[in-house]
Amino acid sequence: MVRIFRHYVSPVKITLAITDFIAILACTFLAEWARYAWLGLDISTDIQTLLAKILVPVITVPILLGVGGYQSDSIRDFRVFIVRLLVAILASSLALSAFLYLLPMLPLWRSILVLSMVFSSAIVLIIHGFFLLFADTKFLSRRVVILGAGKEAEELKEYAEKATEAGLNIVGVVQIPGQPHRIDDSIVLEDMSMFGSLTNDMEAEMVLIADDGMHNLPIEALIACKLNGTEIKDRLSFYEQVRGYVALDSVKAEWIIFSDGFRGGSGFERFSKRVLDVLISSIMLLLTAPIMVVAGIMVRLTSRGAIFYKQERVGLYGQTFNLLKFRSMKEDAEKAGKPEWAKESDPRVTLIGNFLRRTRIDELPQIVNVLRGDMSFVGPRPERPFFVRQFEKDIPFYQERHYLKPGITGWAQIQYPYGASFEDSKRKLEYDLYYIKNYSIFLDILIILQTVRVVLFPIGVR
């Protein structure tokens, strides 16, 4: 995995994104050449024309990222990628048309833009199709030896072989003396001091520790591997880097204290985050104002009760605030006075409320919470005090999620379906801890872009 501004990114996905960027830029040059040649004109080479052409991949690739074009399901299933590419091309065409209208000093004819989008669609489809059919991701992968052959090793091996975009090439599995083994082709060493030599022979770049908690490790051999330049990773670090979450059952207090992270961002990052919050929220408020007016009218006309629903939530440092949403349930949804989880096909949800929830329109009034400073645009989702008290008793390190402002969207929201149970909250905390540990403005921007995919292709909404 490649670490960019504290966030771990798959080398396979980076390679595809860079290839797409170059291909789309080349298609833009090709479109200009084809159009100018048709008219018998000379190709312009001034700086404004060059910037206009560069703008095409600069806009298109982030939008393709935002709609999920580089997600694992898109990489593995060509049909999924085709749908998301078409959405991205349409959105990019609209965005580029708006940019070129607002910035007339960037000369790019509409006919050239149309041609470049057509050419780009075809070339990007071909690139991803060839990648899916013929690419051997091992040339982008790190050579890995798993130390251990038990349950943890089996899980690690299965995941690495299935998730080709993770960029891991398992070249060997070595048994730990005294550990029950579950991998038949694992290597048995009579003398564990030879482990370092074995990893050198296999040209391993990383050793993954899978000891099932036995701690019966060849320490001297691992030190030799480390000194020879081989990276040593435990299960916790592996899941953090490759799967984007912190495995809660492996977290210890000392790991949080001594790990490289959980810094909350520098003063500049916190200032930048607030500027980003105000900027994004202001733009969103302007763009969605007509939608919110219509939504408010529909809520008022279709059910008895207030348009907006205020609900107490826990925010930064455990302080509470009133979160704003469009009311999507009947007015007496919690007439018993006790908070309840949302259910699949919840009978408390109104007809228009079901639509608002599935399209995430019911969340739009939270833009006001962001502008007021109660929330950030990106952060852990705020929970109700009733549930927070339960979770803090039963889920270790749950209170750590309150050291950053809660958000409208977040890393857990784009990585995990809607959470409506104790187990869901536990899993989402694992993603929240990853976000808190590796927080950066870069990660915030990635989350904002990928939120588009969650809105367009909702999974598990209730």
Protein backbone atom coordinates (compact mmCIF):
# COMPACT_ATOMS: atom_id res chain seq x y z
CA MET A 1 0.00 0.00 0.00
CA VAL A 2 1.12 3.54 -0.74
CA ARG A 3 0.70 6.12 2.03
CA ILE A 4 -0.39 9.58 0.85
CA PHE A 5 -0.90 12.23 3.53
CA ARG A 6 -1.32 9.48 6.18
CA HIS A 7 -3.95 7.61 4.13
CA TYR A 8 -3.16 4.20 2.64
CA VAL A 9 -4.02 3.80 -1.06
CA SER A 10 -3.89 0.67 -3.21
CA PRO A 11 -1.05 0.76 -5.80
CA VAL A 12 -3.40 -0.92 -8.28
CA LYS A 13 -5.98 1.86 -7.91
CA ILE A 14 -3.32 4.58 -8.16
CA THR A 15 -1.93 2.99 -11.33
CA LEU A 16 -5.39 2.81 -12.91
CA ALA A 17 -6.16 6.43 -11.97
CA ILE A 18 -2.85 7.71 -13.40
CA THR A 19 -3.34 5.66 -16.57
CA ASP A 20 -6.87 7.05 -16.96
CA PHE A 21 -5.60 10.62 -16.43
CA ILE A 22 -2.97 10.24 -19.17
CA ALA A 23 -5.43 8.51 -21.51
CA ILE A 24 -8.13 11.21 -21.08
CA LEU A 25 -5.56 13.97 -21.63
CA ALA A 26 -4.35 12.20 -24.79
CA CYS A 27 -7.96 11.85 -25.98
CA THR A 28 -8.47 15.60 -25.51
CA PHE A 29 -5.43 16.33 -27.69
CA LEU A 30 -6.73 13.80 -30.23
CA ALA A 31 -10.18 15.41 -30.24
CA GLU A 32 -8.67 18.85 -30.86
CA TRP A 33 -6.47 17.51 -33.66
CA ALA A 34 -9.43 15.74 -35.31
CA ARG A 35 -11.67 18.82 -35.13
CA TYR A 36 -9.00 21.25 -36.35
CA ALA A 37 -7.90 18.89 -39.14
CA TRP A 38 -11.53 18.59 -40.30
CA LEU A 39 -11.74 22.37 -40.58
CA GLY A 40 -8.26 22.73 -42.04
CA LEU A 41 -7.01 24.84 -39.14
CA ASP A 42 -3.67 24.86 -37.34
CA ILE A 43 -3.66 23.51 -33.78
CA SER A 44 -3.33 26.22 -31.12
CA THR A 45 -0.36 25.86 -28.77
CA ASP A 46 -0.86 28.79 -26.38
CA ILE A 47 -0.91 28.29 -22.60
CA GLN A 48 -4.67 28.91 -22.25
CA THR A 49 -5.48 26.11 -24.71
CA LEU A 50 -3.13 23.74 -22.89
CA LEU A 51 -4.72 24.54 -19.52
CA ALA A 52 -8.18 23.98 -21.01
CA LYS A 53 -7.17 20.51 -22.19
CA ILE A 54 -5.57 19.62 -18.84
CA LEU A 55 -8.80 20.67 -17.12
CA VAL A 56 -10.62 17.73 -18.78
CA PRO A 57 -8.81 14.91 -16.90
CA VAL A 58 -8.47 17.10 -13.79
CA ILE A 59 -12.28 17.20 -13.59
CA THR A 60 -13.09 13.75 -15.02
CA VAL A 61 -10.79 11.52 -12.93
CA PRO A 62 -11.96 12.88 -9.51
CA ILE A 63 -15.58 12.50 -10.63
CA LEU A 64 -14.88 8.93 -11.72
CA LEU A 65 -13.35 8.38 -8.28
CA GLY A 66 -16.39 9.98 -6.66
CA VAL A 67 -18.94 7.74 -8.37
CA GLY A 68 -16.97 4.62 -7.42
CA GLY A 69 -15.00 3.91 -10.58
CA TYR A 70 -11.99 2.76 -8.56
CA GLN A 71 -13.89 0.83 -5.90
CA SER A 72 -13.20 -2.88 -5.56
CA ASP A 73 -16.52 -3.88 -7.13
CA SER A 74 -15.79 -1.72 -10.19
CA ILE A 75 -12.32 -3.23 -10.57
CA ARG A 76 -13.65 -6.79 -10.35
CA ASP A 77 -16.95 -6.43 -12.27
CA PHE A 78 -16.79 -4.77 -15.68
CA ARG A 79 -20.56 -4.23 -15.79
CA VAL A 80 -20.44 -2.18 -12.61
CA PHE A 81 -17.59 -0.12 -14.04
CA ILE A 82 -19.50 0.59 -17.28
CA VAL A 83 -22.45 2.05 -15.36
CA ARG A 84 -20.21 4.21 -13.19
CA LEU A 85 -18.13 5.37 -16.13
CA LEU A 86 -21.27 6.52 -17.97
CA VAL A 87 -22.41 8.44 -14.87
CA ALA A 88 -18.93 9.97 -14.55
CA ILE A 89 -18.78 11.02 -18.21
CA LEU A 90 -22.21 12.66 -18.00
CA ALA A 91 -21.35 14.49 -14.78
CA SER A 92 -17.94 15.51 -16.13
CA SER A 93 -19.49 16.89 -19.31
CA LEU A 94 -21.87 19.06 -17.28
CA ALA A 95 -19.13 20.19 -14.88
CA LEU A 96 -16.70 21.02 -17.70
CA SER A 97 -19.38 22.91 -19.63
CA ALA A 98 -20.04 25.00 -16.52
CA PHE A 99 -16.31 25.62 -15.95
CA LEU A 100 -15.69 26.64 -19.55
CA TYR A 101 -18.71 28.95 -19.47
CA LEU A 102 -17.52 30.62 -16.27
CA LEU A 103 -13.89 30.76 -17.50
CA PRO A 104 -14.13 31.92 -21.14
CA MET A 105 -10.39 32.59 -21.18
CA LEU A 106 -9.92 28.80 -21.45
CA PRO A 107 -10.68 28.10 -25.13
CA LEU A 108 -12.10 24.61 -25.62
CA TRP A 109 -14.84 24.26 -28.21
CA ARG A 110 -17.95 22.35 -27.24
CA SER A 111 -17.45 20.08 -30.23
CA ILE A 112 -13.93 19.26 -29.01
CA LEU A 113 -15.28 18.60 -25.50
CA VAL A 114 -17.92 16.21 -26.90
CA LEU A 115 -15.33 14.38 -29.02
CA SER A 116 -12.91 14.13 -26.09
CA MET A 117 -15.65 12.62 -23.88
CA VAL A 118 -16.53 10.07 -26.59
CA PHE A 119 -12.88 9.13 -27.17
CA SER A 120 -12.20 9.03 -23.41
CA SER A 121 -15.16 6.72 -22.76
CA ALA A 122 -13.94 4.26 -25.37
CA ILE A 123 -10.27 4.33 -24.32
CA VAL A 124 -10.97 4.10 -20.56
CA LEU A 125 -13.33 1.18 -21.18
CA ILE A 126 -10.62 -0.58 -23.19
CA ILE A 127 -7.98 0.10 -20.49
CA HIS A 128 -10.14 -1.28 -17.69
CA GLY A 129 -11.33 -4.18 -19.82
CA PHE A 130 -7.77 -5.21 -20.66
CA PHE A 131 -6.77 -4.76 -17.02
CA LEU A 132 -9.60 -7.03 -15.88
CA LEU A 133 -8.83 -9.71 -18.47
CA PHE A 134 -5.07 -9.74 -18.77
CA ALA A 135 -3.35 -7.67 -16.08
CA ASP A 136 -1.16 -9.53 -13.65
CA THR A 137 -1.33 -7.36 -10.55
CA LYS A 138 1.67 -9.17 -9.08
CA PHE A 139 4.03 -6.74 -10.81
CA LEU A 140 2.41 -4.00 -8.68
CA SER A 141 2.24 -6.16 -5.57
CA ARG A 142 4.58 -6.55 -2.63
CA ARG A 143 6.01 -10.01 -1.97
CA VAL A 144 4.69 -11.16 1.40
CA VAL A 145 5.51 -14.05 3.74
CA ILE A 146 2.93 -14.91 6.42
CA LEU A 147 4.45 -16.06 9.71
CA GLY A 148 1.87 -18.42 11.18
CA ALA A 149 -0.44 -21.03 9.67
CA GLY A 150 -3.47 -20.90 11.95
CA LYS A 151 -6.85 -19.18 11.75
CA GLU A 152 -5.47 -15.63 11.39
CA ALA A 153 -3.07 -16.75 8.65
CA GLU A 154 -5.89 -18.46 6.78
CA GLU A 155 -7.99 -15.28 6.88
CA LEU A 156 -5.06 -13.11 5.74
CA LYS A 157 -4.18 -15.47 2.89
CA GLU A 158 -7.77 -15.72 1.65
CA TYR A 159 -8.22 -11.96 1.72
CA ALA A 160 -4.94 -11.23 -0.07
CA GLU A 161 -5.75 -13.74 -2.82
CA LYS A 162 -9.30 -12.45 -3.27
CA ALA A 163 -8.61 -8.69 -3.09
CA THR A 164 -6.14 -8.28 -5.95
CA GLU A 165 -6.35 -4.48 -5.60
CA ALA A 166 -4.74 -4.80 -2.15
CA GLY A 167 -1.39 -5.24 -3.88
CA LEU A 168 -0.17 -8.28 -1.90
CA ASN A 169 1.53 -11.35 -3.39
CA ILE A 170 1.69 -14.16 -0.81
CA VAL A 171 4.90 -16.05 -1.64
CA GLY A 172 4.95 -18.31 1.42
CA VAL A 173 3.35 -19.30 4.73
CA VAL A 174 5.63 -20.43 7.57
CA GLN A 175 4.38 -22.37 10.59
CA ILE A 176 5.13 -21.19 14.11
CA PRO A 177 6.29 -24.02 16.40
CA GLY A 178 3.48 -25.21 18.67
CA GLN A 179 0.74 -23.40 16.71
CA PRO A 180 -2.06 -25.56 15.23
CA HIS A 181 -1.87 -25.16 11.45
CA ARG A 182 -4.77 -24.89 8.99
CA ILE A 183 -2.83 -24.22 5.77
CA ASP A 184 -1.66 -27.48 4.21
CA ASP A 185 1.10 -26.08 1.99
CA SER A 186 2.70 -24.10 4.82
CA ILE A 187 6.45 -24.36 5.36
CA VAL A 188 7.88 -26.08 8.44
CA LEU A 189 11.30 -24.90 9.64
CA GLU A 190 13.20 -27.18 12.01
CA ASP A 191 15.31 -24.21 13.07
CA MET A 192 13.37 -20.92 13.24
CA SER A 193 16.63 -18.99 13.18
CA MET A 194 16.62 -19.78 9.46
CA PHE A 195 13.47 -17.71 8.95
CA GLY A 196 15.46 -14.62 7.95
CA SER A 197 17.38 -16.57 5.31
CA LEU A 198 14.12 -18.01 3.99
CA THR A 199 12.56 -14.57 3.55
CA ASN A 200 15.70 -13.40 1.74
CA ASP A 201 15.53 -16.42 -0.60
CA MET A 202 11.88 -15.63 -1.32
CA GLU A 203 12.75 -11.95 -1.88
CA ALA A 204 10.03 -11.03 0.60
CA GLU A 205 9.34 -7.33 1.09
CA MET A 206 6.97 -7.81 4.03
CA VAL A 207 6.33 -10.31 6.82
CA LEU A 208 2.78 -10.52 8.17
CA ILE A 209 2.49 -11.85 11.73
CA ALA A 210 -0.42 -14.24 12.27
CA ASP A 211 0.33 -15.90 15.63
CA ASP A 212 -3.30 -16.30 16.84
CA GLY A 213 -2.28 -14.50 20.04
CA MET A 214 0.28 -17.14 21.05
CA HIS A 215 3.26 -14.71 20.90
CA ASN A 216 5.60 -17.65 20.27
CA LEU A 217 7.61 -15.67 17.73
CA PRO A 218 11.21 -16.03 16.52
CA ILE A 219 12.25 -12.61 17.80
CA GLU A 220 15.89 -12.75 16.71
CA ALA A 221 14.91 -13.84 13.19
CA LEU A 222 12.34 -11.03 12.95
CA ILE A 223 14.95 -8.51 14.09
CA ALA A 224 17.26 -9.79 11.35
CA CYS A 225 14.47 -9.38 8.78
CA LYS A 226 13.82 -5.83 9.99
CA LEU A 227 17.50 -4.91 9.79
CA ASN A 228 17.69 -6.37 6.28
CA GLY A 229 14.96 -3.96 5.13
CA THR A 230 11.95 -6.31 5.29
CA GLU A 231 8.83 -4.64 6.66
CA ILE A 232 7.17 -6.39 9.63
CA LYS A 233 3.42 -5.98 10.07
CA ASP A 234 1.00 -7.41 12.61
CA ARG A 235 -2.67 -8.17 11.93
CA LEU A 236 -3.83 -4.82 13.30
CA SER A 237 -1.54 -2.81 11.01
CA PHE A 238 -2.47 -5.01 8.04
CA TYR A 239 -6.20 -4.41 8.36
CA GLU A 240 -5.62 -0.71 8.92
CA GLN A 241 -3.57 -0.31 5.75
CA VAL A 242 -5.34 -2.70 3.39
CA ARG A 243 -8.96 -2.66 4.52
CA GLY A 244 -9.17 0.87 5.91
CA TYR A 245 -10.26 0.09 9.46
CA VAL A 246 -8.74 -0.61 12.88
CA ALA A 247 -9.59 -4.12 14.13
CA LEU A 248 -11.19 -3.33 17.48
CA ASP A 249 -10.46 -6.74 19.04
CA SER A 250 -6.72 -6.04 18.64
CA VAL A 251 -6.63 -2.44 19.90
CA LYS A 252 -4.82 -1.74 23.15
CA ALA A 253 -4.51 1.56 24.99
CA GLU A 254 -0.73 1.59 24.56
CA TRP A 255 -1.13 1.18 20.79
CA ILE A 256 -3.18 4.39 20.67
CA ILE A 257 -0.64 6.18 22.86
CA PHE A 258 2.50 5.15 20.95
CA SER A 259 1.19 4.79 17.39
CA ASP A 260 1.99 7.26 14.63
CA GLY A 261 -1.38 8.98 14.54
CA PHE A 262 -4.32 10.21 16.65
CA ARG A 263 -2.89 13.72 16.50
CA GLY A 264 -6.14 15.46 15.67
CA GLY A 265 -4.47 17.44 12.92
CA SER A 266 -2.18 20.44 13.21
CA GLY A 267 -3.49 23.95 13.84
CA PHE A 268 -3.25 24.61 10.11
CA GLU A 269 -5.21 21.43 9.33
CA ARG A 270 -7.96 22.36 11.80
CA PHE A 271 -8.17 25.84 10.28
CA SER A 272 -8.21 24.33 6.76
CA LYS A 273 -10.92 21.88 7.80
CA ARG A 274 -13.12 24.72 9.05
CA VAL A 275 -12.55 26.71 5.84
CA LEU A 276 -13.43 23.59 3.82
CA ASP A 277 -16.56 23.06 5.95
CA VAL A 278 -17.81 26.61 5.38
CA LEU A 279 -16.94 26.56 1.66
CA ILE A 280 -18.53 23.17 0.89
CA SER A 281 -21.58 23.84 3.06
CA SER A 282 -22.20 27.26 1.50
CA ILE A 283 -22.00 25.78 -2.01
CA MET A 284 -24.24 22.87 -0.99
CA LEU A 285 -26.76 25.24 0.58
CA LEU A 286 -26.99 27.27 -2.63
CA LEU A 287 -27.23 24.20 -4.87
CA THR A 288 -29.75 22.29 -2.77
CA ALA A 289 -31.99 25.19 -1.65
CA PRO A 290 -34.65 24.43 -4.33
CA ILE A 291 -34.59 20.72 -3.39
CA MET A 292 -35.00 21.56 0.29
CA VAL A 293 -37.94 23.89 -0.41
CA VAL A 294 -39.73 21.14 -2.37
CA ALA A 295 -38.86 18.54 0.30
CA GLY A 296 -40.24 20.78 3.06
CA ILE A 297 -43.49 21.31 1.18
CA MET A 298 -43.88 17.56 0.57
CA VAL A 299 -43.27 16.74 4.24
CA ARG A 300 -45.86 19.31 5.26
CA LEU A 301 -48.48 18.08 2.73
CA THR A 302 -48.10 14.33 3.28
CA SER A 303 -48.07 13.95 7.07
CA ARG A 304 -49.06 15.72 10.25
CA GLY A 305 -46.29 17.41 12.22
CA ALA A 306 -43.32 19.75 11.89
CA ILE A 307 -41.22 19.95 8.71
CA PHE A 308 -37.92 19.73 10.56
CA TYR A 309 -36.99 17.24 13.24
CA LYS A 310 -34.58 18.25 15.99
CA GLN A 311 -32.77 15.44 17.73
CA GLU A 312 -30.18 15.66 20.50
CA ARG A 313 -26.83 14.21 19.43
CA VAL A 314 -23.39 13.95 21.03
CA GLY A 315 -20.69 16.10 19.43
CA LEU A 316 -17.14 17.24 20.06
CA TYR A 317 -15.78 16.31 23.53
CA GLY A 318 -19.13 14.74 24.45
CA GLN A 319 -21.10 18.00 24.30
CA THR A 320 -24.65 17.69 22.98
CA PHE A 321 -26.34 19.72 20.24
CA ASN A 322 -29.59 19.63 18.27
CA LEU A 323 -29.18 17.94 14.89
CA LEU A 324 -31.53 19.11 12.14
CA LYS A 325 -33.21 16.76 9.66
CA PHE A 326 -36.32 16.74 7.53
CA ARG A 327 -38.91 14.72 9.43
CA SER A 328 -39.13 11.32 7.76
CA MET A 329 -41.17 9.47 10.41
CA LYS A 330 -44.62 9.88 11.87
CA GLU A 331 -44.86 12.52 14.55
CA ASP A 332 -45.35 9.95 17.34
CA ALA A 333 -42.57 7.61 16.11
CA GLU A 334 -41.15 7.26 19.63
CA LYS A 335 -44.31 7.71 21.67
CA ALA A 336 -43.01 5.23 24.26
CA GLY A 337 -40.27 7.75 25.04
CA LYS A 338 -37.45 5.29 24.42
CA PRO A 339 -35.12 5.65 21.42
CA GLU A 340 -35.35 2.82 18.88
CA TRP A 341 -33.12 1.64 16.04
CA ALA A 342 -34.42 2.18 12.52
CA LYS A 343 -35.60 -1.12 11.02
CA GLU A 344 -35.78 -2.51 7.51
CA SER A 345 -39.13 -1.33 6.05
CA ASP A 346 -39.75 0.60 9.27
CA PRO A 347 -43.53 1.22 9.63
CA ARG A 348 -42.81 4.54 11.37
CA VAL A 349 -41.35 6.01 8.17
CA THR A 350 -43.77 8.02 6.05
CA LEU A 351 -44.11 7.54 2.28
CA ILE A 352 -42.25 10.75 1.44
CA GLY A 353 -39.87 10.04 4.34
CA ASN A 354 -38.80 6.77 2.74
CA PHE A 355 -37.87 8.66 -0.42
CA LEU A 356 -36.02 11.35 1.55
CA ARG A 357 -34.02 8.71 3.43
CA ARG A 358 -33.07 6.72 0.33
CA THR A 359 -31.88 9.85 -1.49
CA ARG A 360 -30.24 11.28 1.69
CA ILE A 361 -32.29 14.48 1.21
CA ASP A 362 -33.43 14.22 4.83
CA GLU A 363 -29.81 14.94 5.87
CA LEU A 364 -29.53 18.25 3.97
CA PRO A 365 -30.64 20.54 6.85
CA GLN A 366 -27.50 19.42 8.70
CA ILE A 367 -25.66 21.89 6.46
CA VAL A 368 -26.93 24.49 8.93
CA ASN A 369 -25.31 22.51 11.78
CA VAL A 370 -22.01 22.63 9.89
CA LEU A 371 -22.23 26.38 9.29
CA ARG A 372 -23.02 26.91 12.99
CA GLY A 373 -19.96 24.87 13.96
CA ASP A 374 -21.83 22.03 15.70
CA MET A 375 -20.56 19.60 13.08
CA SER A 376 -17.97 19.25 10.37
CA PHE A 377 -18.84 18.19 6.83
CA VAL A 378 -16.68 15.07 7.31
CA GLY A 379 -16.36 13.18 10.58
CA PRO A 380 -17.83 10.32 12.64
CA ARG A 381 -21.63 10.34 12.57
CA PRO A 382 -23.09 11.81 15.79
CA GLU A 383 -25.12 9.40 17.91
CA ARG A 384 -27.90 9.99 20.41
CA PRO A 385 -26.92 10.26 24.09
CA PHE A 386 -29.03 7.21 24.98
CA PHE A 387 -27.05 4.98 22.61
CA VAL A 388 -23.71 6.63 23.41
CA ARG A 389 -24.08 5.75 27.09
CA GLN A 390 -24.72 2.12 26.13
CA PHE A 391 -21.85 1.96 23.66
CA GLU A 392 -19.33 3.52 26.03
CA LYS A 393 -20.10 0.75 28.53
CA ASP A 394 -19.92 -2.13 26.06
CA ILE A 395 -17.58 -1.05 23.24
CA PRO A 396 -13.96 -0.27 24.14
CA PHE A 397 -12.58 3.08 22.99
CA TYR A 398 -16.00 4.31 21.83
CA GLN A 399 -15.48 7.68 23.54
CA GLU A 400 -12.39 8.30 21.36
CA ARG A 401 -14.64 9.09 18.40
CA HIS A 402 -15.71 12.32 20.16
CA TYR A 403 -12.25 13.88 19.87
CA LEU A 404 -13.16 15.15 16.39
CA LYS A 405 -16.30 16.99 15.36
CA PRO A 406 -19.03 14.70 14.03
CA GLY A 407 -19.85 14.95 10.34
CA ILE A 408 -22.63 14.71 7.78
CA THR A 409 -20.58 12.11 5.97
CA GLY A 410 -17.54 10.12 7.04
CA TRP A 411 -15.14 7.27 6.36
CA ALA A 412 -17.50 4.77 8.04
CA GLN A 413 -20.45 6.00 5.96
CA ILE A 414 -18.73 5.41 2.61
CA GLN A 415 -17.15 2.09 3.66
CA TYR A 416 -19.96 0.40 5.60
CA PRO A 417 -23.75 0.15 5.07
CA TYR A 418 -26.31 1.86 7.27
CA GLY A 419 -25.74 0.87 10.92
CA ALA A 420 -28.78 0.03 13.03
CA SER A 421 -27.55 -2.39 15.67
CA PHE A 422 -24.91 -2.83 18.37
CA GLU A 423 -22.71 -4.90 16.04
CA ASP A 424 -23.03 -2.32 13.25
CA SER A 425 -21.95 0.43 15.64
CA LYS A 426 -18.96 -1.65 16.68
CA ARG A 427 -17.90 -2.17 13.07
CA LYS A 428 -18.41 1.49 12.19
CA LEU A 429 -16.26 2.47 15.17
CA GLU A 430 -13.41 0.50 13.54
CA TYR A 431 -13.66 2.77 10.49
CA ASP A 432 -14.05 5.87 12.68
CA LEU A 433 -10.85 4.99 14.54
CA TYR A 434 -9.02 4.69 11.22
CA TYR A 435 -10.26 8.16 10.25
CA ILE A 436 -9.32 9.69 13.61
CA LYS A 437 -5.87 8.07 13.52
CA ASN A 438 -5.07 9.04 9.91
CA TYR A 439 -7.01 12.30 9.63
CA SER A 440 -5.89 14.80 6.99
CA ILE A 441 -7.50 17.29 4.62
CA PHE A 442 -6.58 14.90 1.78
CA LEU A 443 -8.69 12.15 3.39
CA ASP A 444 -11.57 14.60 3.90
CA ILE A 445 -11.53 15.47 0.19
CA LEU A 446 -11.48 11.77 -0.76
CA ILE A 447 -14.48 11.13 1.50
CA ILE A 448 -16.42 14.08 0.05
CA LEU A 449 -15.78 12.81 -3.49
CA GLN A 450 -16.78 9.25 -2.63
CA THR A 451 -19.95 10.37 -0.85
CA VAL A 452 -21.32 10.94 -4.36
CA ARG A 453 -21.17 7.15 -4.89
CA VAL A 454 -23.09 6.50 -1.65
CA VAL A 455 -25.82 8.95 -2.69
CA LEU A 456 -26.08 7.62 -6.27
CA PHE A 457 -25.82 3.94 -5.37
CA PRO A 458 -27.30 3.66 -1.86
CA ILE A 459 -26.81 0.38 0.03
CA GLY A 460 -28.58 -0.55 3.24
CA VAL A 461 -30.51 2.72 3.62
CA ARG A 462 -33.31 2.58 6.22
